[in-house]
């Protein structure tokens, strides 16, 4: 399984959608959708953005249920966030249980500048997230990279970085193609 992470607004889902237009042999699993389904079934939250406001112990139980649903299938991409902002702190998007359950073939961090992330979030009317400051985004980007390094040291899987610069979607998709080739997918 290839784990693709990025902060909200990085464009990871957009990059993956365009990449998969040519690669019908690769499947994608969206971690957030699975978490929402668990939250809905347990009547814990009625939309994705409300999950992050749940107590951390409840969020951890949702993560445990999601991990049970994931299968370690070949040529599968897990689309998720490295971190979730949870007042008063953060929750890791990938649990140690998940890393033990699946064969991680690699990690991809899709990123954009803090200014681009803020701009994209402000234009996204489909979500009800609070707007962070540039300094918070800078910190979140640093935390993501640090956490991914931890996962890489636990699994030995390679780490790839894609900068999804505004207006250069094709370049980011090209990088995904190189990663797939490197993984012999």
C-alpha atoms as a PDB file:
ATOM      1  CA  UNK A   1       0.000   0.000   0.000  1.00  0.00           C
ATOM      2  CA  UNK A   2       1.187   3.488  -0.855  1.00  0.00           C
ATOM      3  CA  UNK A   3       0.201   6.060   1.772  1.00  0.00           C
ATOM      4  CA  UNK A   4      -0.347   9.529   0.331  1.00  0.00           C
ATOM      5  CA  UNK A   5      -0.636  12.351   2.838  1.00  0.00           C
ATOM      6  CA  UNK A   6      -0.939  16.099   2.713  1.00  0.00           C
ATOM      7  CA  UNK A   7      -2.493  18.978   4.545  1.00  0.00           C
ATOM      8  CA  UNK A   8      -5.924  20.262   3.606  1.00  0.00           C
ATOM      9  CA  UNK A   9      -5.510  22.343   0.472  1.00  0.00           C
ATOM     10  CA  UNK A  10      -2.378  20.584  -0.787  1.00  0.00           C
ATOM     11  CA  UNK A  11      -4.387  19.043  -3.619  1.00  0.00           C
ATOM     12  CA  UNK A  12      -3.614  15.404  -2.857  1.00  0.00           C
ATOM     13  CA  UNK A  13      -7.073  14.190  -3.819  1.00  0.00           C
ATOM     14  CA  UNK A  14      -6.944  16.262  -7.014  1.00  0.00           C
ATOM     15  CA  UNK A  15      -3.497  14.908  -7.939  1.00  0.00           C
ATOM     16  CA  UNK A  16      -4.603  11.338  -7.221  1.00  0.00           C
ATOM     17  CA  UNK A  17      -7.845  11.682  -9.195  1.00  0.00           C
ATOM     18  CA  UNK A  18      -5.985  12.902 -12.288  1.00  0.00           C
ATOM     19  CA  UNK A  19      -3.257  10.264 -11.853  1.00  0.00           C
ATOM     20  CA  UNK A  20      -5.846   7.478 -11.628  1.00  0.00           C
ATOM     21  CA  UNK A  21      -7.522   8.561 -14.883  1.00  0.00           C
ATOM     22  CA  UNK A  22      -4.693   6.711 -16.657  1.00  0.00           C
ATOM     23  CA  UNK A  23      -4.117   3.988 -14.047  1.00  0.00           C
ATOM     24  CA  UNK A  24      -7.319   1.970 -13.714  1.00  0.00           C
ATOM     25  CA  UNK A  25      -5.291  -0.905 -12.192  1.00  0.00           C
ATOM     26  CA  UNK A  26      -4.679   1.112  -9.007  1.00  0.00           C
ATOM     27  CA  UNK A  27      -7.351   1.508  -6.350  1.00  0.00           C
ATOM     28  CA  UNK A  28      -7.719   4.282  -3.828  1.00  0.00           C
ATOM     29  CA  UNK A  29      -9.093   4.292  -0.310  1.00  0.00           C
ATOM     30  CA  UNK A  30      -9.967   7.593   1.338  1.00  0.00           C
ATOM     31  CA  UNK A  31      -9.334   7.337   5.072  1.00  0.00           C
ATOM     32  CA  UNK A  32     -11.558  10.338   5.869  1.00  0.00           C
ATOM     33  CA  UNK A  33     -14.547   8.755   4.119  1.00  0.00           C
ATOM     34  CA  UNK A  34     -14.070   5.551   6.120  1.00  0.00           C
ATOM     35  CA  UNK A  35     -13.819   7.569   9.356  1.00  0.00           C
ATOM     36  CA  UNK A  36     -16.994   9.461   8.472  1.00  0.00           C
ATOM     37  CA  UNK A  37     -18.848   6.197   7.832  1.00  0.00           C
ATOM     38  CA  UNK A  38     -17.784   4.917  11.264  1.00  0.00           C
ATOM     39  CA  UNK A  39     -18.786   8.200  12.931  1.00  0.00           C
ATOM     40  CA  UNK A  40     -22.168   8.199  11.157  1.00  0.00           C
ATOM     41  CA  UNK A  41     -22.888   4.572  12.060  1.00  0.00           C
ATOM     42  CA  UNK A  42     -22.147   5.293  15.723  1.00  0.00           C
ATOM     43  CA  UNK A  43     -23.978   8.651  15.633  1.00  0.00           C
ATOM     44  CA  UNK A  44     -20.820  10.473  16.741  1.00  0.00           C
ATOM     45  CA  UNK A  45     -20.723  13.130  13.991  1.00  0.00           C
ATOM     46  CA  UNK A  46     -22.782  14.009  10.947  1.00  0.00           C
ATOM     47  CA  UNK A  47     -20.017  15.445   8.758  1.00  0.00           C
ATOM     48  CA  UNK A  48     -16.270  15.040   8.272  1.00  0.00           C
ATOM     49  CA  UNK A  49     -15.247  18.329   9.801  1.00  0.00           C
ATOM     50  CA  UNK A  50     -17.088  17.554  13.056  1.00  0.00           C
ATOM     51  CA  UNK A  51     -15.009  14.403  13.619  1.00  0.00           C
ATOM     52  CA  UNK A  52     -11.992  16.530  14.552  1.00  0.00           C
ATOM     53  CA  UNK A  53     -13.953  18.181  17.363  1.00  0.00           C
ATOM     54  CA  UNK A  54     -14.660  14.834  19.061  1.00  0.00           C
ATOM     55  CA  UNK A  55     -12.638  13.968  22.185  1.00  0.00           C
ATOM     56  CA  UNK A  56      -9.287  12.390  21.331  1.00  0.00           C
ATOM     57  CA  UNK A  57     -10.306   9.071  22.949  1.00  0.00           C
ATOM     58  CA  UNK A  58     -13.380   8.907  20.700  1.00  0.00           C
ATOM     59  CA  UNK A  59     -11.267   9.816  17.681  1.00  0.00           C
ATOM     60  CA  UNK A  60      -8.851   7.005  18.546  1.00  0.00           C
ATOM     61  CA  UNK A  61     -11.761   4.504  18.648  1.00  0.00           C
ATOM     62  CA  UNK A  62     -12.859   5.687  15.200  1.00  0.00           C
ATOM     63  CA  UNK A  63      -9.297   5.158  13.935  1.00  0.00           C
ATOM     64  CA  UNK A  64      -9.284   1.620  15.373  1.00  0.00           C
ATOM     65  CA  UNK A  65     -12.517   0.826  13.503  1.00  0.00           C
ATOM     66  CA  UNK A  66     -11.101   2.233  10.258  1.00  0.00           C
ATOM     67  CA  UNK A  67      -7.930   0.133  10.613  1.00  0.00           C
ATOM     68  CA  UNK A  68     -10.110  -2.999  10.920  1.00  0.00           C
ATOM     69  CA  UNK A  69     -11.762  -2.135   7.590  1.00  0.00           C
ATOM     70  CA  UNK A  70      -8.549  -1.619   5.634  1.00  0.00           C
ATOM     71  CA  UNK A  71      -7.216  -4.466   3.559  1.00  0.00           C
ATOM     72  CA  UNK A  72      -3.612  -4.773   2.491  1.00  0.00           C
ATOM     73  CA  UNK A  73      -4.321  -5.007  -1.221  1.00  0.00           C
ATOM     74  CA  UNK A  74      -1.689  -4.679  -3.924  1.00  0.00           C
ATOM     75  CA  UNK A  75      -1.592  -1.437  -5.874  1.00  0.00           C
ATOM     76  CA  UNK A  76      -3.722   0.438  -3.361  1.00  0.00           C
ATOM     77  CA  UNK A  77      -3.293   4.058  -2.362  1.00  0.00           C
ATOM     78  CA  UNK A  78      -4.447   5.271   1.035  1.00  0.00           C
ATOM     79  CA  UNK A  79      -5.403   8.964   0.800  1.00  0.00           C
ATOM     80  CA  UNK A  80      -5.184  10.520   4.269  1.00  0.00           C
ATOM     81  CA  UNK A  81      -3.798  13.347   6.373  1.00  0.00           C
ATOM     82  CA  UNK A  82      -0.543  12.981   8.280  1.00  0.00           C
ATOM     83  CA  UNK A  83      -1.960  15.025  11.136  1.00  0.00           C
ATOM     84  CA  UNK A  84      -5.361  16.198  12.228  1.00  0.00           C
ATOM     85  CA  UNK A  85      -5.629  19.472  14.118  1.00  0.00           C
ATOM     86  CA  UNK A  86      -7.505  18.648  17.271  1.00  0.00           C
ATOM     87  CA  UNK A  87      -8.022  21.395  19.800  1.00  0.00           C
ATOM     88  CA  UNK A  88      -5.923  21.564  21.989  1.00  0.00           C
ATOM     89  CA  UNK A  89      -3.369  19.513  20.013  1.00  0.00           C
ATOM     90  CA  UNK A  90      -2.947  17.066  17.158  1.00  0.00           C
ATOM     91  CA  UNK A  91      -3.826  13.470  16.322  1.00  0.00           C
ATOM     92  CA  UNK A  92      -1.635  11.385  14.019  1.00  0.00           C
ATOM     93  CA  UNK A  93      -3.442  10.388  10.836  1.00  0.00           C
ATOM     94  CA  UNK A  94      -1.747   6.987  10.714  1.00  0.00           C
ATOM     95  CA  UNK A  95      -1.803   4.774  13.764  1.00  0.00           C
ATOM     96  CA  UNK A  96       0.896   2.291  14.793  1.00  0.00           C
ATOM     97  CA  UNK A  97      -1.771  -0.436  14.430  1.00  0.00           C
ATOM     98  CA  UNK A  98      -2.206   0.442  10.769  1.00  0.00           C
ATOM     99  CA  UNK A  99       1.532   0.416  10.095  1.00  0.00           C
ATOM    100  CA  UNK A 100       1.716  -3.094  11.602  1.00  0.00           C
ATOM    101  CA  UNK A 101      -1.283  -4.382   9.643  1.00  0.00           C
ATOM    102  CA  UNK A 102      -0.257  -3.412   6.126  1.00  0.00           C
ATOM    103  CA  UNK A 103       2.780  -3.695   3.909  1.00  0.00           C
ATOM    104  CA  UNK A 104       3.691  -0.046   3.362  1.00  0.00           C
ATOM    105  CA  UNK A 105       5.412   0.279   0.003  1.00  0.00           C
ATOM    106  CA  UNK A 106       6.020   3.992   0.394  1.00  0.00           C
ATOM    107  CA  UNK A 107       4.883   7.357   1.698  1.00  0.00           C
ATOM    108  CA  UNK A 108       4.130  10.365  -0.474  1.00  0.00           C
ATOM    109  CA  UNK A 109       3.824  13.852   0.987  1.00  0.00           C
ATOM    110  CA  UNK A 110       1.956  16.170  -1.376  1.00  0.00           C
ATOM    111  CA  UNK A 111       2.678  19.719  -0.325  1.00  0.00           C
ATOM    112  CA  UNK A 112       2.286  23.314  -1.426  1.00  0.00           C
ATOM    113  CA  UNK A 113       3.554  26.566   0.022  1.00  0.00           C
ATOM    114  CA  UNK A 114       1.801  27.843   3.134  1.00  0.00           C
ATOM    115  CA  UNK A 115       0.408  30.740   1.105  1.00  0.00           C
ATOM    116  CA  UNK A 116      -1.013  28.354  -1.517  1.00  0.00           C
ATOM    117  CA  UNK A 117      -2.561  26.166   1.181  1.00  0.00           C
ATOM    118  CA  UNK A 118      -4.271  29.180   2.752  1.00  0.00           C
ATOM    119  CA  UNK A 119      -5.519  30.407  -0.610  1.00  0.00           C
ATOM    120  CA  UNK A 120      -6.932  27.009  -1.592  1.00  0.00           C
ATOM    121  CA  UNK A 121      -8.628  26.523   1.780  1.00  0.00           C
ATOM    122  CA  UNK A 122     -10.262  29.941   1.557  1.00  0.00           C
ATOM    123  CA  UNK A 123     -11.740  29.002  -1.847  1.00  0.00           C
ATOM    124  CA  UNK A 124     -13.055  25.591  -0.681  1.00  0.00           C
ATOM    125  CA  UNK A 125     -16.719  26.168   0.126  1.00  0.00           C
ATOM    126  CA  UNK A 126     -17.427  22.436   0.560  1.00  0.00           C
ATOM    127  CA  UNK A 127     -15.792  22.295   4.002  1.00  0.00           C
ATOM    128  CA  UNK A 128     -16.401  24.103   7.285  1.00  0.00           C
ATOM    129  CA  UNK A 129     -12.854  24.275   8.638  1.00  0.00           C
ATOM    130  CA  UNK A 130     -11.495  27.120  10.690  1.00  0.00           C
ATOM    131  CA  UNK A 131      -8.876  29.199   8.906  1.00  0.00           C
ATOM    132  CA  UNK A 132      -5.364  28.848  10.346  1.00  0.00           C
ATOM    133  CA  UNK A 133      -2.666  31.492  10.211  1.00  0.00           C
ATOM    134  CA  UNK A 134       0.378  31.183   7.953  1.00  0.00           C
ATOM    135  CA  UNK A 135       2.465  30.405  11.044  1.00  0.00           C
ATOM    136  CA  UNK A 136       0.107  27.540  11.974  1.00  0.00           C
ATOM    137  CA  UNK A 137       0.367  26.132   8.457  1.00  0.00           C
ATOM    138  CA  UNK A 138       4.180  26.412   8.589  1.00  0.00           C
ATOM    139  CA  UNK A 139       4.125  24.472  11.858  1.00  0.00           C
ATOM    140  CA  UNK A 140       1.696  21.864  10.490  1.00  0.00           C
ATOM    141  CA  UNK A 141       3.892  21.281   7.426  1.00  0.00           C
ATOM    142  CA  UNK A 142       6.914  20.768   9.694  1.00  0.00           C
ATOM    143  CA  UNK A 143       4.960  18.336  11.906  1.00  0.00           C
ATOM    144  CA  UNK A 144       3.838  16.343   8.856  1.00  0.00           C
ATOM    145  CA  UNK A 145       7.378  15.910   7.598  1.00  0.00           C
ATOM    146  CA  UNK A 146       8.592  14.932  11.062  1.00  0.00           C
ATOM    147  CA  UNK A 147       5.811  12.374  11.505  1.00  0.00           C
ATOM    148  CA  UNK A 148       6.424  10.868   8.076  1.00  0.00           C
ATOM    149  CA  UNK A 149      10.112  10.462   8.945  1.00  0.00           C
ATOM    150  CA  UNK A 150       9.007   8.524  12.021  1.00  0.00           C
ATOM    151  CA  UNK A 151       6.819   6.232   9.896  1.00  0.00           C
ATOM    152  CA  UNK A 152       9.667   5.720   7.436  1.00  0.00           C
ATOM    153  CA  UNK A 153      11.989   4.688  10.273  1.00  0.00           C
ATOM    154  CA  UNK A 154       9.351   2.222  11.557  1.00  0.00           C
ATOM    155  CA  UNK A 155       8.660   0.617   8.181  1.00  0.00           C
ATOM    156  CA  UNK A 156      11.793   1.089   6.100  1.00  0.00           C
ATOM    157  CA  UNK A 157       9.529   2.255   3.248  1.00  0.00           C
ATOM    158  CA  UNK A 158      10.732   5.011   0.914  1.00  0.00           C
ATOM    159  CA  UNK A 159       9.483   8.587   1.243  1.00  0.00           C
ATOM    160  CA  UNK A 160       8.577  10.733  -1.744  1.00  0.00           C
ATOM    161  CA  UNK A 161       7.830  14.443  -1.878  1.00  0.00           C
ATOM    162  CA  UNK A 162       5.617  16.182  -4.443  1.00  0.00           C
ATOM    163  CA  UNK A 163       5.282  19.953  -4.518  1.00  0.00           C
ATOM    164  CA  UNK A 164       1.870  20.691  -6.014  1.00  0.00           C
ATOM    165  CA  UNK A 165       2.465  24.244  -7.120  1.00  0.00           C
ATOM    166  CA  UNK A 166      -0.590  26.279  -8.126  1.00  0.00           C
ATOM    167  CA  UNK A 167      -1.265  25.851 -11.857  1.00  0.00           C
ATOM    168  CA  UNK A 168       1.160  22.898 -12.240  1.00  0.00           C
ATOM    169  CA  UNK A 169      -1.127  19.922 -11.660  1.00  0.00           C
ATOM    170  CA  UNK A 170       0.358  18.022 -14.613  1.00  0.00           C
ATOM    171  CA  UNK A 171       3.820  18.282 -13.065  1.00  0.00           C
ATOM    172  CA  UNK A 172       2.553  16.835  -9.756  1.00  0.00           C
ATOM    173  CA  UNK A 173       0.798  14.019 -11.629  1.00  0.00           C
ATOM    174  CA  UNK A 174       4.045  13.376 -13.515  1.00  0.00           C
ATOM    175  CA  UNK A 175       5.797  12.932 -10.170  1.00  0.00           C
ATOM    176  CA  UNK A 176       3.123  10.396  -9.129  1.00  0.00           C
ATOM    177  CA  UNK A 177       3.841   8.483 -12.345  1.00  0.00           C
ATOM    178  CA  UNK A 178       7.564   8.399 -11.494  1.00  0.00           C
ATOM    179  CA  UNK A 179       6.740   7.079  -8.011  1.00  0.00           C
ATOM    180  CA  UNK A 180       4.507   4.346  -9.447  1.00  0.00           C
ATOM    181  CA  UNK A 181       7.318   3.357 -11.806  1.00  0.00           C
ATOM    182  CA  UNK A 182       9.833   3.309  -8.938  1.00  0.00           C
ATOM    183  CA  UNK A 183       7.494   0.986  -7.002  1.00  0.00           C
ATOM    184  CA  UNK A 184       7.139  -1.183 -10.146  1.00  0.00           C
ATOM    185  CA  UNK A 185       3.393  -0.602 -10.232  1.00  0.00           C
END
